[in-house]
Every structure is written in structure tokens, then in C-alpha cells.
């Protein structure tokens, strides 16, 4: 039970992702449009392109953070040799389940491309963790 505390950030983040995915299409679109309006005040870019970019960057960021939290929990509780690959697999499976969940939300759609984008965010975080570990070990 003591080890569970290391997974609280990951569990909370999974709940956050679930809640965001449970938002219907209209509300989700309103959130993107609000952010897009703020950015369009400073940058001259097509609105549709910008909202597309916001959606995809949000996917990547959510799953980069999720991977970091899962990694933290596993790092603190195990001596498993394949920690990064296990963390990536768990993140990938959660991304798949999230897209399946979106199939049941009005105005949303589960898409394989989003799983790939989620996983690319997780891969970027793996690279950051790897480089951080390499730098830490070289000192």
C-alpha cells in the first residue's frame, strides 16, 4: 500500500485525461476556440490550422506528462530492467483506451492517428528522460 502513493500523480492525470475526453464535441471545440482566439491576437495564422495544432499539441503534452508520472511510479517501486519500454507500453495502452472511450462521446471520434500522436508525445518524454539520465550518470 505504501508504494501506491507513487502512482497517485499518474492516476490523477489519467482521471484528468478521462474527463477531458468525456467532454462532448461542442464543449471541446469551445475550449480550443478560446485558446485559438488568444493566440490569434499575436500570430497571423489560419484559425483552422491553429485549432488543429492546438488539439494535436494537447494530445502530445497530455501523454508526455502521463508517461512521466507512470515512469515516476514505476521508478520508485521497482528495479525492473525495461522501465522505459514498460512505461511506454502502459501509456500506449491508455491512449488506445482513451480513443475507444471517445467513440461513445457525442461529437467526438476515436482515431488511430490520435493514438500515434499521443504515443509520439510519450516518446519525446522518453527521450528527455533518457538524456536526463545520461547526463546525470556522466557527472
N, C-alpha and C. Protein backbone atom coordinates (compact mmCIF):
# COMPACT_ATOMS: atom_id res chain seq x y z
N UNK A 1 0.81 -1.19 0.00
CA UNK A 1 0.00 0.00 0.00
C UNK A 1 0.86 1.26 0.00
N UNK A 2 2.04 1.18 0.62
CA UNK A 2 2.94 2.33 0.66
C UNK A 2 3.40 2.72 -0.73
N UNK A 3 3.55 1.74 -1.60
CA UNK A 3 4.04 2.01 -2.95
C UNK A 3 2.99 2.69 -3.82
N UNK A 4 1.73 2.55 -3.48
CA UNK A 4 0.65 3.15 -4.26
C UNK A 4 0.77 4.67 -4.33
N UNK A 5 1.32 5.28 -3.28
CA UNK A 5 1.43 6.74 -3.25
C UNK A 5 2.25 7.28 -4.42
N UNK A 6 3.18 6.50 -4.94
CA UNK A 6 3.99 6.94 -6.06
C UNK A 6 3.22 6.98 -7.38
N UNK A 7 2.09 6.30 -7.39
CA UNK A 7 1.26 6.28 -8.60
C UNK A 7 0.10 7.28 -8.56
N UNK A 8 -0.04 7.99 -7.46
CA UNK A 8 -1.13 8.97 -7.34
C UNK A 8 -1.07 10.03 -8.44
N UNK A 9 0.10 10.60 -8.76
CA UNK A 9 0.11 11.57 -9.87
C UNK A 9 -0.37 10.97 -11.19
N UNK A 10 0.05 9.76 -11.50
CA UNK A 10 -0.38 9.11 -12.75
C UNK A 10 -1.88 8.84 -12.74
N UNK A 11 -2.40 8.37 -11.62
CA UNK A 11 -3.83 8.09 -11.53
C UNK A 11 -4.64 9.37 -11.67
N UNK A 12 -4.20 10.43 -10.99
CA UNK A 12 -4.89 11.72 -11.11
C UNK A 12 -4.85 12.24 -12.54
N UNK A 13 -3.71 12.08 -13.20
CA UNK A 13 -3.58 12.54 -14.59
C UNK A 13 -4.46 11.70 -15.52
N UNK A 14 -4.55 10.40 -15.27
CA UNK A 14 -5.44 9.56 -16.07
C UNK A 14 -6.89 10.00 -15.91
N UNK A 15 -7.26 10.36 -14.70
CA UNK A 15 -8.62 10.86 -14.46
C UNK A 15 -8.83 12.17 -15.22
N UNK A 16 -7.84 13.05 -15.19
CA UNK A 16 -7.93 14.31 -15.94
C UNK A 16 -8.12 14.04 -17.43
N UNK A 17 -7.33 13.14 -18.00
CA UNK A 17 -7.46 12.80 -19.42
C UNK A 17 -8.85 12.23 -19.69
N UNK A 18 -9.32 11.36 -18.82
CA UNK A 18 -10.65 10.78 -18.99
C UNK A 18 -11.73 11.86 -19.00
N UNK A 19 -11.63 12.78 -18.07
CA UNK A 19 -12.62 13.88 -18.00
C UNK A 19 -12.55 14.73 -19.26
N UNK A 20 -11.36 15.07 -19.71
CA UNK A 20 -11.22 15.87 -20.93
C UNK A 20 -11.76 15.12 -22.13
N UNK A 21 -11.55 13.82 -22.19
CA UNK A 21 -12.06 13.02 -23.29
C UNK A 21 -13.57 12.84 -23.22
N UNK A 22 -14.11 12.97 -22.03
CA UNK A 22 -15.55 12.80 -21.85
C UNK A 22 -16.34 14.06 -22.23
N UNK A 23 -15.62 15.15 -22.47
CA UNK A 23 -16.25 16.40 -22.89
C UNK A 23 -16.83 16.21 -24.29
N UNK A 24 -18.08 16.62 -24.48
CA UNK A 24 -18.67 16.44 -25.81
C UNK A 24 -17.98 17.33 -26.84
N UNK A 25 -18.24 17.06 -28.10
CA UNK A 25 -17.55 17.74 -29.19
C UNK A 25 -17.71 19.24 -29.17
N UNK A 26 -18.92 19.76 -28.85
CA UNK A 26 -19.14 21.21 -28.84
C UNK A 26 -18.34 21.90 -27.75
N UNK A 27 -18.34 21.33 -26.55
CA UNK A 27 -17.58 21.94 -25.44
C UNK A 27 -16.09 21.87 -25.70
N UNK A 28 -15.63 20.76 -26.25
CA UNK A 28 -14.22 20.61 -26.58
C UNK A 28 -13.81 21.65 -27.62
N UNK A 29 -14.66 21.86 -28.60
CA UNK A 29 -14.40 22.84 -29.64
C UNK A 29 -14.35 24.25 -29.06
N UNK A 30 -15.23 24.55 -28.11
CA UNK A 30 -15.24 25.86 -27.45
C UNK A 30 -13.93 26.12 -26.71
N UNK A 31 -13.41 25.09 -26.05
CA UNK A 31 -12.14 25.24 -25.34
C UNK A 31 -11.02 25.56 -26.31
N UNK A 32 -10.96 24.85 -27.42
CA UNK A 32 -9.93 25.10 -28.43
C UNK A 32 -10.07 26.50 -29.02
N UNK A 33 -11.31 26.91 -29.30
CA UNK A 33 -11.53 28.21 -29.90
C UNK A 33 -11.12 29.34 -28.96
N UNK A 34 -11.33 29.17 -27.66
CA UNK A 34 -10.90 30.17 -26.68
C UNK A 34 -9.39 30.36 -26.73
N UNK A 35 -8.67 29.24 -26.72
CA UNK A 35 -7.20 29.30 -26.78
C UNK A 35 -6.76 29.87 -28.12
N UNK A 36 -7.41 29.46 -29.19
CA UNK A 36 -7.06 29.96 -30.52
C UNK A 36 -7.23 31.47 -30.61
N UNK A 37 -8.32 32.00 -30.06
CA UNK A 37 -8.56 33.45 -30.09
C UNK A 37 -7.44 34.20 -29.38
N UNK A 38 -6.98 33.66 -28.27
CA UNK A 38 -5.87 34.29 -27.55
C UNK A 38 -4.60 34.32 -28.40
N UNK A 39 -4.30 33.21 -29.02
CA UNK A 39 -3.08 33.12 -29.83
C UNK A 39 -3.18 33.98 -31.08
N UNK A 40 -4.37 34.03 -31.70
CA UNK A 40 -4.56 34.80 -32.93
C UNK A 40 -4.36 36.30 -32.71
N UNK A 41 -4.42 36.74 -31.46
CA UNK A 41 -4.15 38.15 -31.16
C UNK A 41 -2.69 38.49 -31.44
N UNK A 42 -1.82 37.48 -31.39
CA UNK A 42 -0.39 37.72 -31.52
C UNK A 42 0.22 37.16 -32.79
N UNK A 43 -0.40 36.14 -33.36
CA UNK A 43 0.17 35.46 -34.53
C UNK A 43 -0.86 35.46 -35.65
N UNK A 44 -0.42 35.73 -36.84
CA UNK A 44 -1.29 35.68 -38.01
C UNK A 44 -1.20 34.28 -38.63
N UNK A 45 -2.22 33.47 -38.33
CA UNK A 45 -2.27 32.09 -38.84
C UNK A 45 -3.73 31.73 -39.06
N UNK A 46 -3.98 30.85 -39.97
CA UNK A 46 -5.34 30.40 -40.26
C UNK A 46 -5.95 29.76 -39.01
N UNK A 47 -7.18 30.11 -38.70
CA UNK A 47 -7.86 29.62 -37.49
C UNK A 47 -7.96 28.10 -37.47
N UNK A 48 -8.34 27.49 -38.58
CA UNK A 48 -8.46 26.02 -38.63
C UNK A 48 -7.13 25.33 -38.41
N UNK A 49 -6.08 25.88 -39.00
CA UNK A 49 -4.75 25.31 -38.81
C UNK A 49 -4.34 25.42 -37.35
N UNK A 50 -4.61 26.57 -36.76
CA UNK A 50 -4.24 26.78 -35.37
C UNK A 50 -5.01 25.84 -34.44
N UNK A 51 -6.30 25.69 -34.63
CA UNK A 51 -7.06 24.79 -33.74
C UNK A 51 -6.61 23.33 -33.91
N UNK A 52 -6.26 22.96 -35.14
CA UNK A 52 -5.72 21.61 -35.38
C UNK A 52 -4.42 21.43 -34.59
N UNK A 53 -3.54 22.43 -34.67
CA UNK A 53 -2.26 22.37 -33.96
C UNK A 53 -2.48 22.31 -32.44
N UNK A 54 -3.42 23.10 -31.94
CA UNK A 54 -3.71 23.10 -30.51
C UNK A 54 -4.17 21.72 -30.06
N UNK A 55 -5.07 21.10 -30.84
CA UNK A 55 -5.56 19.77 -30.49
C UNK A 55 -4.42 18.75 -30.43
N UNK A 56 -3.57 18.78 -31.43
CA UNK A 56 -2.52 17.76 -31.50
C UNK A 56 -1.43 18.01 -30.46
N UNK A 57 -1.10 19.26 -30.21
CA UNK A 57 -0.11 19.57 -29.17
C UNK A 57 -0.67 19.18 -27.80
N UNK A 58 -1.96 19.39 -27.60
CA UNK A 58 -2.58 18.98 -26.33
C UNK A 58 -2.48 17.47 -26.15
N UNK A 59 -2.75 16.71 -27.21
CA UNK A 59 -2.61 15.25 -27.14
C UNK A 59 -1.18 14.86 -26.76
N UNK A 60 -0.22 15.43 -27.45
CA UNK A 60 1.18 15.09 -27.18
C UNK A 60 1.57 15.45 -25.75
N UNK A 61 1.17 16.62 -25.31
CA UNK A 61 1.53 17.08 -23.96
C UNK A 61 0.89 16.22 -22.89
N UNK A 62 -0.40 15.90 -23.06
CA UNK A 62 -1.09 15.06 -22.07
C UNK A 62 -0.36 13.73 -21.87
N UNK A 63 0.05 13.14 -22.96
CA UNK A 63 0.65 11.81 -22.87
C UNK A 63 2.13 11.86 -22.53
N UNK A 64 2.80 12.96 -22.80
CA UNK A 64 4.17 13.13 -22.32
C UNK A 64 4.16 13.22 -20.80
N UNK A 65 3.22 13.99 -20.26
CA UNK A 65 3.08 14.12 -18.81
C UNK A 65 2.67 12.79 -18.19
N UNK A 66 1.73 12.09 -18.82
CA UNK A 66 1.31 10.79 -18.31
C UNK A 66 2.48 9.83 -18.24
N UNK A 67 3.28 9.77 -19.29
CA UNK A 67 4.44 8.87 -19.28
C UNK A 67 5.38 9.24 -18.13
N UNK A 68 5.61 10.52 -17.93
CA UNK A 68 6.49 10.94 -16.84
C UNK A 68 5.95 10.48 -15.48
N UNK A 69 4.65 10.63 -15.26
CA UNK A 69 4.06 10.21 -13.99
C UNK A 69 4.11 8.70 -13.81
N UNK A 70 3.85 7.95 -14.87
CA UNK A 70 3.92 6.49 -14.78
C UNK A 70 5.37 6.06 -14.53
N UNK A 71 6.28 6.69 -15.24
CA UNK A 71 7.70 6.39 -15.04
C UNK A 71 8.11 6.63 -13.58
N UNK A 72 7.66 7.75 -13.04
CA UNK A 72 7.98 8.07 -11.64
C UNK A 72 7.49 6.97 -10.71
N UNK A 73 6.24 6.54 -10.90
CA UNK A 73 5.69 5.49 -10.04
C UNK A 73 6.45 4.18 -10.16
N UNK A 74 6.76 3.80 -11.39
CA UNK A 74 7.50 2.55 -11.59
C UNK A 74 8.94 2.67 -11.11
N UNK A 75 9.55 3.81 -11.32
CA UNK A 75 10.94 4.04 -10.89
C UNK A 75 11.05 3.92 -9.38
N UNK A 76 10.07 4.44 -8.68
CA UNK A 76 10.10 4.43 -7.21
C UNK A 76 9.75 3.07 -6.62
N UNK A 77 9.09 2.21 -7.39
CA UNK A 77 8.57 0.97 -6.80
C UNK A 77 9.19 -0.31 -7.36
N UNK A 78 10.04 -0.20 -8.38
CA UNK A 78 10.56 -1.45 -8.95
C UNK A 78 12.01 -1.29 -9.36
N UNK A 79 12.63 -2.42 -9.59
CA UNK A 79 14.00 -2.43 -10.11
C UNK A 79 14.00 -3.07 -11.49
N UNK A 80 12.87 -2.97 -12.15
CA UNK A 80 12.66 -3.60 -13.45
C UNK A 80 13.63 -3.03 -14.48
N UNK A 81 14.26 -3.90 -15.25
CA UNK A 81 15.28 -3.50 -16.20
C UNK A 81 14.72 -2.69 -17.37
N UNK A 82 13.55 -3.03 -17.85
CA UNK A 82 12.97 -2.38 -19.03
C UNK A 82 11.93 -1.33 -18.64
N UNK A 83 12.33 -0.43 -17.78
CA UNK A 83 11.42 0.55 -17.21
C UNK A 83 10.83 1.49 -18.26
N UNK A 84 11.66 2.03 -19.15
CA UNK A 84 11.17 2.97 -20.15
C UNK A 84 10.23 2.30 -21.14
N UNK A 85 10.56 1.10 -21.60
CA UNK A 85 9.69 0.43 -22.56
C UNK A 85 8.37 0.00 -21.91
N UNK A 86 8.42 -0.42 -20.65
CA UNK A 86 7.20 -0.77 -19.94
C UNK A 86 6.31 0.47 -19.77
N UNK A 87 6.93 1.57 -19.41
CA UNK A 87 6.20 2.82 -19.24
C UNK A 87 5.56 3.24 -20.55
N UNK A 88 6.28 3.11 -21.64
CA UNK A 88 5.74 3.46 -22.96
C UNK A 88 4.57 2.55 -23.31
N UNK A 89 4.68 1.27 -23.04
CA UNK A 89 3.60 0.33 -23.34
C UNK A 89 2.33 0.68 -22.55
N UNK A 90 2.49 0.98 -21.27
CA UNK A 90 1.33 1.35 -20.45
C UNK A 90 0.68 2.62 -20.99
N UNK A 91 1.49 3.59 -21.36
CA UNK A 91 0.98 4.85 -21.91
C UNK A 91 0.26 4.60 -23.23
N UNK A 92 0.83 3.77 -24.08
CA UNK A 92 0.21 3.44 -25.35
C UNK A 92 -1.16 2.76 -25.15
N UNK A 93 -1.21 1.82 -24.23
CA UNK A 93 -2.47 1.12 -23.95
C UNK A 93 -3.52 2.10 -23.43
N UNK A 94 -3.11 3.03 -22.57
CA UNK A 94 -4.06 4.02 -22.08
C UNK A 94 -4.53 4.93 -23.21
N UNK A 95 -3.64 5.29 -24.13
CA UNK A 95 -4.02 6.11 -25.29
C UNK A 95 -5.06 5.36 -26.14
N UNK A 96 -4.86 4.08 -26.33
CA UNK A 96 -5.83 3.27 -27.09
C UNK A 96 -7.18 3.26 -26.38
N UNK A 97 -7.15 3.05 -25.07
CA UNK A 97 -8.41 3.00 -24.33
C UNK A 97 -9.10 4.36 -24.35
N UNK A 98 -8.34 5.43 -24.34
CA UNK A 98 -8.91 6.78 -24.40
C UNK A 98 -9.62 7.02 -25.73
N UNK A 99 -9.02 6.58 -26.81
CA UNK A 99 -9.65 6.76 -28.12
C UNK A 99 -10.91 5.89 -28.25
N UNK A 100 -10.88 4.70 -27.67
CA UNK A 100 -12.09 3.86 -27.66
C UNK A 100 -13.18 4.55 -26.85
N UNK A 101 -12.81 5.12 -25.71
CA UNK A 101 -13.76 5.86 -24.88
C UNK A 101 -14.42 6.99 -25.68
N UNK A 102 -13.65 7.70 -26.50
CA UNK A 102 -14.17 8.83 -27.27
C UNK A 102 -15.20 8.39 -28.31
N UNK A 103 -15.16 7.13 -28.72
CA UNK A 103 -16.16 6.64 -29.67
C UNK A 103 -17.58 6.73 -29.11
N UNK A 104 -17.71 6.78 -27.79
CA UNK A 104 -19.02 6.78 -27.15
C UNK A 104 -19.46 8.18 -26.68
N UNK A 105 -18.67 9.20 -27.02
CA UNK A 105 -18.98 10.57 -26.60
C UNK A 105 -19.53 11.33 -27.81
N UNK A 106 -20.70 11.96 -27.66
CA UNK A 106 -21.28 12.71 -28.79
C UNK A 106 -20.34 13.79 -29.31
N UNK A 107 -20.20 13.82 -30.63
CA UNK A 107 -19.35 14.83 -31.26
C UNK A 107 -17.87 14.52 -31.22
N UNK A 108 -17.49 13.40 -30.66
CA UNK A 108 -16.08 13.00 -30.59
C UNK A 108 -15.88 11.76 -31.43
N UNK A 109 -14.64 11.49 -31.77
CA UNK A 109 -14.34 10.27 -32.52
C UNK A 109 -13.00 9.73 -32.05
N UNK A 110 -12.92 8.44 -31.93
CA UNK A 110 -11.66 7.80 -31.61
C UNK A 110 -10.89 7.56 -32.89
N UNK A 111 -9.65 8.00 -32.92
CA UNK A 111 -8.88 7.89 -34.16
C UNK A 111 -7.51 7.29 -33.89
N UNK A 112 -7.09 6.41 -34.77
CA UNK A 112 -5.78 5.79 -34.66
C UNK A 112 -4.68 6.83 -34.73
N UNK A 113 -4.86 7.85 -35.56
CA UNK A 113 -3.83 8.89 -35.68
C UNK A 113 -3.61 9.58 -34.35
N UNK A 114 -4.67 9.74 -33.55
CA UNK A 114 -4.51 10.36 -32.23
C UNK A 114 -3.72 9.46 -31.29
N UNK A 115 -3.90 8.15 -31.40
CA UNK A 115 -3.08 7.23 -30.60
C UNK A 115 -1.61 7.40 -30.96
N UNK A 116 -1.34 7.55 -32.25
CA UNK A 116 0.05 7.73 -32.71
C UNK A 116 0.60 9.08 -32.23
N UNK A 117 -0.23 10.11 -32.24
CA UNK A 117 0.21 11.42 -31.75
C UNK A 117 0.44 11.37 -30.25
N UNK A 118 -0.46 10.72 -29.51
CA UNK A 118 -0.28 10.55 -28.06
C UNK A 118 1.04 9.83 -27.78
N UNK A 119 1.27 8.77 -28.52
CA UNK A 119 2.47 7.97 -28.32
C UNK A 119 3.73 8.75 -28.71
N UNK A 120 3.63 9.62 -29.70
CA UNK A 120 4.79 10.43 -30.06
C UNK A 120 5.13 11.40 -28.93
N UNK A 121 4.12 11.94 -28.26
CA UNK A 121 4.38 12.78 -27.08
C UNK A 121 5.08 11.98 -26.00
N UNK A 122 4.63 10.74 -25.80
CA UNK A 122 5.27 9.85 -24.82
C UNK A 122 6.72 9.55 -25.22
N UNK A 123 6.95 9.34 -26.52
CA UNK A 123 8.32 9.07 -26.99
C UNK A 123 9.24 10.27 -26.78
N UNK A 124 8.70 11.46 -26.96
CA UNK A 124 9.50 12.66 -26.70
C UNK A 124 9.90 12.71 -25.23
N UNK A 125 8.96 12.37 -24.35
CA UNK A 125 9.28 12.36 -22.92
C UNK A 125 10.30 11.27 -22.60
N UNK A 126 10.23 10.14 -23.27
CA UNK A 126 11.24 9.09 -23.06
C UNK A 126 12.62 9.61 -23.44
N UNK A 127 12.69 10.32 -24.55
CA UNK A 127 13.97 10.91 -24.97
C UNK A 127 14.48 11.88 -23.92
N UNK A 128 13.61 12.70 -23.38
CA UNK A 128 14.01 13.66 -22.35
C UNK A 128 14.51 12.92 -21.11
N UNK A 129 13.79 11.89 -20.68
CA UNK A 129 14.21 11.11 -19.50
C UNK A 129 15.55 10.44 -19.78
N UNK A 130 15.69 9.85 -20.95
CA UNK A 130 16.94 9.17 -21.31
C UNK A 130 18.12 10.15 -21.28
N UNK A 131 17.94 11.32 -21.89
CA UNK A 131 19.02 12.32 -21.91
C UNK A 131 19.32 12.83 -20.51
N UNK A 132 18.29 12.99 -19.69
CA UNK A 132 18.49 13.44 -18.32
C UNK A 132 19.28 12.37 -17.53
N UNK A 133 18.91 11.11 -17.70
CA UNK A 133 19.63 10.04 -17.01
C UNK A 133 21.07 9.94 -17.47
N UNK A 134 21.27 10.08 -18.77
CA UNK A 134 22.62 10.01 -19.32
C UNK A 134 23.49 11.13 -18.76
N UNK A 135 22.92 12.32 -18.70
CA UNK A 135 23.66 13.47 -18.15
C UNK A 135 23.93 13.28 -16.68
N UNK A 136 22.94 12.77 -15.94
CA UNK A 136 23.09 12.53 -14.50
C UNK A 136 24.17 11.49 -14.24
N UNK A 137 24.21 10.44 -15.05
CA UNK A 137 25.19 9.36 -14.86
C UNK A 137 26.61 9.76 -15.28
N UNK A 138 26.73 10.75 -16.14
CA UNK A 138 28.05 11.15 -16.60
C UNK A 138 28.72 12.10 -15.61
N UNK A 139 27.95 12.64 -14.66
CA UNK A 139 28.55 13.57 -13.66
C UNK A 139 29.10 12.85 -12.48
